[in-house]
């Protein structure tokens, strides 16, 4: 079935005995699958090399039609550039938030009983600023600006909490995920407990 997908049309699609698929005429390759259980899943079909593939995008209504269509367009753009979007999805996420989560799980938690405090500081001072930015694009001066800002706040407790966590992150996650850049300010040593924060 081919149809211009719209929010109203999607709501009107009812489950049948067998799964069926509605292809969007506004974005060739983009479609919605309706399952007998009532589950509705967006996906995009594309040809990579000699193989036709399908990339699941998300379940309606957890993902909106507009967002799903944009993701389909982005996937098709990658195909035009010679990149398999399914393979790209499987690659390690290099967003700052993702790398911070890996740092806590793999580095801080096994070595420090106060890892939850380190996690809290990372979320407050780093993730809130850099979030979804690619960590490989963040340079030394970006972190120095954060440290300078901590000094400008004039809160000694906050600064003493911020600095050792920054140094720990430098020796833990940053060198592995961002080796093309210089390391962050801080000693190159294993994560050690600080009297102020335990991180």
C-alpha atoms as a PDB file:
ATOM      1  CA  UNK A   1       0.000   0.000   0.000  1.00  0.00           C
ATOM      2  CA  UNK A   2       1.273   3.467  -0.886  1.00  0.00           C
ATOM      3  CA  UNK A   3       0.003   6.549   0.883  1.00  0.00           C
ATOM      4  CA  UNK A   4       1.157   9.949   2.091  1.00  0.00           C
ATOM      5  CA  UNK A   5       1.771   9.175   5.747  1.00  0.00           C
ATOM      6  CA  UNK A   6       0.235  11.646   8.168  1.00  0.00           C
ATOM      7  CA  UNK A   7      -0.473  11.600  11.876  1.00  0.00           C
ATOM      8  CA  UNK A   8      -4.195  11.194  11.186  1.00  0.00           C
ATOM      9  CA  UNK A   9      -3.611   8.382   8.695  1.00  0.00           C
ATOM     10  CA  UNK A  10      -1.316   6.494  11.067  1.00  0.00           C
ATOM     11  CA  UNK A  11      -3.887   6.644  13.835  1.00  0.00           C
ATOM     12  CA  UNK A  12      -6.464   5.239  11.433  1.00  0.00           C
ATOM     13  CA  UNK A  13      -4.421   2.182  10.447  1.00  0.00           C
ATOM     14  CA  UNK A  14      -5.918  -0.846  12.218  1.00  0.00           C
ATOM     15  CA  UNK A  15      -4.228  -4.204  12.818  1.00  0.00           C
ATOM     16  CA  UNK A  16      -5.131  -7.096  10.545  1.00  0.00           C
ATOM     17  CA  UNK A  17      -4.658 -10.835  10.721  1.00  0.00           C
ATOM     18  CA  UNK A  18      -1.358 -10.463   8.890  1.00  0.00           C
ATOM     19  CA  UNK A  19       1.259  -7.758   9.112  1.00  0.00           C
ATOM     20  CA  UNK A  20       1.018  -5.123   6.403  1.00  0.00           C
ATOM     21  CA  UNK A  21       3.172  -2.212   5.288  1.00  0.00           C
ATOM     22  CA  UNK A  22       2.321   1.312   4.184  1.00  0.00           C
ATOM     23  CA  UNK A  23       4.902   3.026   1.974  1.00  0.00           C
ATOM     24  CA  UNK A  24       5.194   6.783   2.220  1.00  0.00           C
ATOM     25  CA  UNK A  25       4.865   8.488  -1.159  1.00  0.00           C
ATOM     26  CA  UNK A  26       6.439  11.666   0.258  1.00  0.00           C
ATOM     27  CA  UNK A  27       9.709   9.907   1.138  1.00  0.00           C
ATOM     28  CA  UNK A  28      10.473   6.889  -1.068  1.00  0.00           C
ATOM     29  CA  UNK A  29      11.894   4.044   1.033  1.00  0.00           C
ATOM     30  CA  UNK A  30      10.236   5.225   4.232  1.00  0.00           C
ATOM     31  CA  UNK A  31       7.389   3.039   5.485  1.00  0.00           C
ATOM     32  CA  UNK A  32       5.247   2.001   8.414  1.00  0.00           C
ATOM     33  CA  UNK A  33       4.654  -1.616   9.341  1.00  0.00           C
ATOM     34  CA  UNK A  34       1.449  -2.466  11.197  1.00  0.00           C
ATOM     35  CA  UNK A  35       1.522  -5.739  13.129  1.00  0.00           C
ATOM     36  CA  UNK A  36      -1.434  -7.926  14.183  1.00  0.00           C
ATOM     37  CA  UNK A  37      -0.745  -6.884  17.791  1.00  0.00           C
ATOM     38  CA  UNK A  38      -1.349  -3.241  16.854  1.00  0.00           C
ATOM     39  CA  UNK A  39       2.333  -2.346  17.053  1.00  0.00           C
ATOM     40  CA  UNK A  40       3.373   0.219  14.433  1.00  0.00           C
ATOM     41  CA  UNK A  41       7.027   0.458  13.427  1.00  0.00           C
ATOM     42  CA  UNK A  42       8.730   2.989  11.153  1.00  0.00           C
ATOM     43  CA  UNK A  43      11.558   1.781   8.925  1.00  0.00           C
ATOM     44  CA  UNK A  44      13.456   2.746   5.799  1.00  0.00           C
ATOM     45  CA  UNK A  45      14.508   0.468   2.961  1.00  0.00           C
ATOM     46  CA  UNK A  46      17.617   1.215   0.932  1.00  0.00           C
ATOM     47  CA  UNK A  47      20.019  -0.469  -1.429  1.00  0.00           C
ATOM     48  CA  UNK A  48      23.652  -0.690  -0.403  1.00  0.00           C
ATOM     49  CA  UNK A  49      25.825  -2.251  -3.063  1.00  0.00           C
ATOM     50  CA  UNK A  50      23.834  -5.152  -4.482  1.00  0.00           C
ATOM     51  CA  UNK A  51      21.854  -5.736  -1.306  1.00  0.00           C
ATOM     52  CA  UNK A  52      18.514  -4.237  -0.333  1.00  0.00           C
ATOM     53  CA  UNK A  53      18.326  -3.607   3.392  1.00  0.00           C
ATOM     54  CA  UNK A  54      15.846  -2.389   5.963  1.00  0.00           C
ATOM     55  CA  UNK A  55      16.717  -0.109   8.875  1.00  0.00           C
ATOM     56  CA  UNK A  56      14.207   0.022  11.772  1.00  0.00           C
ATOM     57  CA  UNK A  57      13.703   3.605  12.932  1.00  0.00           C
ATOM     58  CA  UNK A  58      11.321   3.456  15.855  1.00  0.00           C
ATOM     59  CA  UNK A  59       7.929   2.543  17.254  1.00  0.00           C
ATOM     60  CA  UNK A  60       4.950   4.853  16.937  1.00  0.00           C
ATOM     61  CA  UNK A  61       4.035   6.873  18.996  1.00  0.00           C
ATOM     62  CA  UNK A  62       7.301   6.804  20.967  1.00  0.00           C
ATOM     63  CA  UNK A  63       8.833   8.462  17.931  1.00  0.00           C
ATOM     64  CA  UNK A  64       6.819  11.012  15.991  1.00  0.00           C
ATOM     65  CA  UNK A  65       6.140  10.814  12.265  1.00  0.00           C
ATOM     66  CA  UNK A  66       8.198  13.952  11.612  1.00  0.00           C
ATOM     67  CA  UNK A  67      11.194  12.645  13.541  1.00  0.00           C
ATOM     68  CA  UNK A  68      10.972   9.216  11.900  1.00  0.00           C
ATOM     69  CA  UNK A  69      10.796  10.734   8.429  1.00  0.00           C
ATOM     70  CA  UNK A  70      13.795  12.950   9.162  1.00  0.00           C
ATOM     71  CA  UNK A  71      15.765   9.903  10.337  1.00  0.00           C
ATOM     72  CA  UNK A  72      14.818   8.095   7.124  1.00  0.00           C
ATOM     73  CA  UNK A  73      15.999  11.032   5.017  1.00  0.00           C
ATOM     74  CA  UNK A  74      19.265  11.134   6.953  1.00  0.00           C
ATOM     75  CA  UNK A  75      19.770   7.389   6.418  1.00  0.00           C
ATOM     76  CA  UNK A  76      19.182   7.764   2.690  1.00  0.00           C
ATOM     77  CA  UNK A  77      21.611  10.696   2.607  1.00  0.00           C
ATOM     78  CA  UNK A  78      24.285   8.448   4.133  1.00  0.00           C
ATOM     79  CA  UNK A  79      23.617   5.841   1.439  1.00  0.00           C
ATOM     80  CA  UNK A  80      24.128   8.528  -1.225  1.00  0.00           C
ATOM     81  CA  UNK A  81      27.522   9.241   0.382  1.00  0.00           C
ATOM     82  CA  UNK A  82      28.481   5.572   0.228  1.00  0.00           C
ATOM     83  CA  UNK A  83      27.869   4.871   3.924  1.00  0.00           C
ATOM     84  CA  UNK A  84      25.742   2.005   5.212  1.00  0.00           C
ATOM     85  CA  UNK A  85      23.452   3.589   7.834  1.00  0.00           C
ATOM     86  CA  UNK A  86      22.973   0.256   9.616  1.00  0.00           C
ATOM     87  CA  UNK A  87      26.742  -0.113  10.041  1.00  0.00           C
ATOM     88  CA  UNK A  88      27.017   3.495  11.210  1.00  0.00           C
ATOM     89  CA  UNK A  89      24.402   2.835  13.890  1.00  0.00           C
ATOM     90  CA  UNK A  90      26.413  -0.123  15.206  1.00  0.00           C
ATOM     91  CA  UNK A  91      29.516   2.006  15.684  1.00  0.00           C
ATOM     92  CA  UNK A  92      30.437   3.150  19.174  1.00  0.00           C
ATOM     93  CA  UNK A  93      28.656   6.345  20.110  1.00  0.00           C
ATOM     94  CA  UNK A  94      31.205   9.119  20.533  1.00  0.00           C
ATOM     95  CA  UNK A  95      28.933  11.746  22.048  1.00  0.00           C
ATOM     96  CA  UNK A  96      30.304  13.362  25.194  1.00  0.00           C
ATOM     97  CA  UNK A  97      27.358  12.016  27.200  1.00  0.00           C
ATOM     98  CA  UNK A  98      27.963   8.449  26.019  1.00  0.00           C
ATOM     99  CA  UNK A  99      31.703   8.578  26.724  1.00  0.00           C
ATOM    100  CA  UNK A 100      31.043   9.994  30.193  1.00  0.00           C
ATOM    101  CA  UNK A 101      28.707   7.089  30.904  1.00  0.00           C
ATOM    102  CA  UNK A 102      31.430   4.664  29.776  1.00  0.00           C
ATOM    103  CA  UNK A 103      33.950   6.449  31.999  1.00  0.00           C
ATOM    104  CA  UNK A 104      31.731   6.001  35.057  1.00  0.00           C
ATOM    105  CA  UNK A 105      30.906   2.358  34.283  1.00  0.00           C
ATOM    106  CA  UNK A 106      34.359   1.151  33.245  1.00  0.00           C
ATOM    107  CA  UNK A 107      36.735   3.432  35.138  1.00  0.00           C
ATOM    108  CA  UNK A 108      35.207   5.210  38.135  1.00  0.00           C
ATOM    109  CA  UNK A 109      32.835   2.576  39.503  1.00  0.00           C
ATOM    110  CA  UNK A 110      35.394  -0.273  39.797  1.00  0.00           C
ATOM    111  CA  UNK A 111      38.054   1.987  41.374  1.00  0.00           C
ATOM    112  CA  UNK A 112      36.187   4.376  43.628  1.00  0.00           C
ATOM    113  CA  UNK A 113      33.552   3.826  46.287  1.00  0.00           C
ATOM    114  CA  UNK A 114      32.416   7.431  45.768  1.00  0.00           C
ATOM    115  CA  UNK A 115      31.789   6.990  42.046  1.00  0.00           C
ATOM    116  CA  UNK A 116      28.221   8.283  42.364  1.00  0.00           C
ATOM    117  CA  UNK A 117      29.576  11.675  43.400  1.00  0.00           C
ATOM    118  CA  UNK A 118      31.887  11.650  40.373  1.00  0.00           C
ATOM    119  CA  UNK A 119      28.887  10.826  38.195  1.00  0.00           C
ATOM    120  CA  UNK A 120      26.913  13.696  39.687  1.00  0.00           C
ATOM    121  CA  UNK A 121      29.743  16.156  39.049  1.00  0.00           C
ATOM    122  CA  UNK A 122      30.217  14.893  35.482  1.00  0.00           C
ATOM    123  CA  UNK A 123      26.530  15.371  34.735  1.00  0.00           C
ATOM    124  CA  UNK A 124      26.413  18.825  36.302  1.00  0.00           C
ATOM    125  CA  UNK A 125      29.665  20.259  34.965  1.00  0.00           C
ATOM    126  CA  UNK A 126      30.314  18.430  31.686  1.00  0.00           C
ATOM    127  CA  UNK A 127      27.266  16.673  30.241  1.00  0.00           C
ATOM    128  CA  UNK A 128      25.043  19.708  30.846  1.00  0.00           C
ATOM    129  CA  UNK A 129      27.434  21.746  28.666  1.00  0.00           C
ATOM    130  CA  UNK A 130      28.651  19.338  25.968  1.00  0.00           C
ATOM    131  CA  UNK A 131      25.864  16.735  25.917  1.00  0.00           C
ATOM    132  CA  UNK A 132      25.486  15.360  22.390  1.00  0.00           C
ATOM    133  CA  UNK A 133      28.620  16.937  20.927  1.00  0.00           C
ATOM    134  CA  UNK A 134      31.152  14.529  19.412  1.00  0.00           C
ATOM    135  CA  UNK A 135      33.907  14.241  22.006  1.00  0.00           C
ATOM    136  CA  UNK A 136      36.537  14.245  19.255  1.00  0.00           C
ATOM    137  CA  UNK A 137      35.503  17.808  18.387  1.00  0.00           C
ATOM    138  CA  UNK A 138      35.976  19.102  21.934  1.00  0.00           C
ATOM    139  CA  UNK A 139      39.416  20.577  22.504  1.00  0.00           C
ATOM    140  CA  UNK A 140      41.572  21.419  25.477  1.00  0.00           C
ATOM    141  CA  UNK A 141      40.511  25.068  25.577  1.00  0.00           C
ATOM    142  CA  UNK A 142      36.843  24.039  25.947  1.00  0.00           C
ATOM    143  CA  UNK A 143      37.638  22.284  29.220  1.00  0.00           C
ATOM    144  CA  UNK A 144      39.921  25.065  30.405  1.00  0.00           C
ATOM    145  CA  UNK A 145      37.029  27.496  29.947  1.00  0.00           C
ATOM    146  CA  UNK A 146      34.919  25.329  32.246  1.00  0.00           C
ATOM    147  CA  UNK A 147      37.644  25.305  34.860  1.00  0.00           C
ATOM    148  CA  UNK A 148      38.064  29.080  34.571  1.00  0.00           C
ATOM    149  CA  UNK A 149      34.322  29.404  35.019  1.00  0.00           C
ATOM    150  CA  UNK A 150      34.500  27.350  38.202  1.00  0.00           C
ATOM    151  CA  UNK A 151      37.063  29.817  39.552  1.00  0.00           C
ATOM    152  CA  UNK A 152      34.888  32.776  38.562  1.00  0.00           C
ATOM    153  CA  UNK A 153      31.966  31.303  40.511  1.00  0.00           C
ATOM    154  CA  UNK A 154      34.036  31.824  43.647  1.00  0.00           C
ATOM    155  CA  UNK A 155      32.786  28.680  45.372  1.00  0.00           C
ATOM    156  CA  UNK A 156      35.839  26.802  46.765  1.00  0.00           C
ATOM    157  CA  UNK A 157      33.856  23.649  47.520  1.00  0.00           C
ATOM    158  CA  UNK A 158      32.544  23.464  43.985  1.00  0.00           C
ATOM    159  CA  UNK A 159      36.002  24.099  42.516  1.00  0.00           C
ATOM    160  CA  UNK A 160      37.693  21.426  44.645  1.00  0.00           C
ATOM    161  CA  UNK A 161      35.013  18.971  43.535  1.00  0.00           C
ATOM    162  CA  UNK A 162      35.342  19.963  39.896  1.00  0.00           C
ATOM    163  CA  UNK A 163      39.130  19.814  39.452  1.00  0.00           C
ATOM    164  CA  UNK A 164      39.919  16.203  40.538  1.00  0.00           C
ATOM    165  CA  UNK A 165      36.969  14.879  38.557  1.00  0.00           C
ATOM    166  CA  UNK A 166      38.219  16.704  35.473  1.00  0.00           C
ATOM    167  CA  UNK A 167      41.688  15.198  35.985  1.00  0.00           C
ATOM    168  CA  UNK A 168      40.248  11.718  36.496  1.00  0.00           C
ATOM    169  CA  UNK A 169      38.200  11.997  33.340  1.00  0.00           C
ATOM    170  CA  UNK A 170      41.325  13.112  31.498  1.00  0.00           C
ATOM    171  CA  UNK A 171      43.233   9.949  32.421  1.00  0.00           C
ATOM    172  CA  UNK A 172      40.247   7.643  32.079  1.00  0.00           C
ATOM    173  CA  UNK A 173      37.924   8.251  29.164  1.00  0.00           C
ATOM    174  CA  UNK A 174      39.427  11.126  27.251  1.00  0.00           C
ATOM    175  CA  UNK A 175      42.719   9.555  26.145  1.00  0.00           C
ATOM    176  CA  UNK A 176      40.917   6.540  24.685  1.00  0.00           C
ATOM    177  CA  UNK A 177      38.086   8.386  22.966  1.00  0.00           C
ATOM    178  CA  UNK A 178      39.922  11.504  21.844  1.00  0.00           C
ATOM    179  CA  UNK A 179      43.534  10.494  21.236  1.00  0.00           C
ATOM    180  CA  UNK A 180      43.859  12.913  18.327  1.00  0.00           C
ATOM    181  CA  UNK A 181      43.690  15.846  20.766  1.00  0.00           C
ATOM    182  CA  UNK A 182      45.981  16.752  23.620  1.00  0.00           C
ATOM    183  CA  UNK A 183      44.872  15.437  27.028  1.00  0.00           C
ATOM    184  CA  UNK A 184      42.931  17.558  29.442  1.00  0.00           C
ATOM    185  CA  UNK A 185      44.748  19.449  32.177  1.00  0.00           C
ATOM    186  CA  UNK A 186      45.545  17.100  35.015  1.00  0.00           C
ATOM    187  CA  UNK A 187      48.086  14.492  36.093  1.00  0.00           C
ATOM    188  CA  UNK A 188      48.400  11.273  34.136  1.00  0.00           C
ATOM    189  CA  UNK A 189      47.779   8.894  37.006  1.00  0.00           C
ATOM    190  CA  UNK A 190      45.120   6.339  37.978  1.00  0.00           C
ATOM    191  CA  UNK A 191      41.900   7.582  39.513  1.00  0.00           C
ATOM    192  CA  UNK A 192      42.555   8.221  43.174  1.00  0.00           C
ATOM    193  CA  UNK A 193      40.258   9.174  45.998  1.00  0.00           C
ATOM    194  CA  UNK A 194      40.139  12.830  46.972  1.00  0.00           C
ATOM    195  CA  UNK A 195      39.379  13.926  50.566  1.00  0.00           C
ATOM    196  CA  UNK A 196      36.904  16.455  49.227  1.00  0.00           C
ATOM    197  CA  UNK A 197      34.935  14.328  46.795  1.00  0.00           C
ATOM    198  CA  UNK A 198      36.339  10.819  46.715  1.00  0.00           C
ATOM    199  CA  UNK A 199      37.001  11.206  42.988  1.00  0.00           C
END
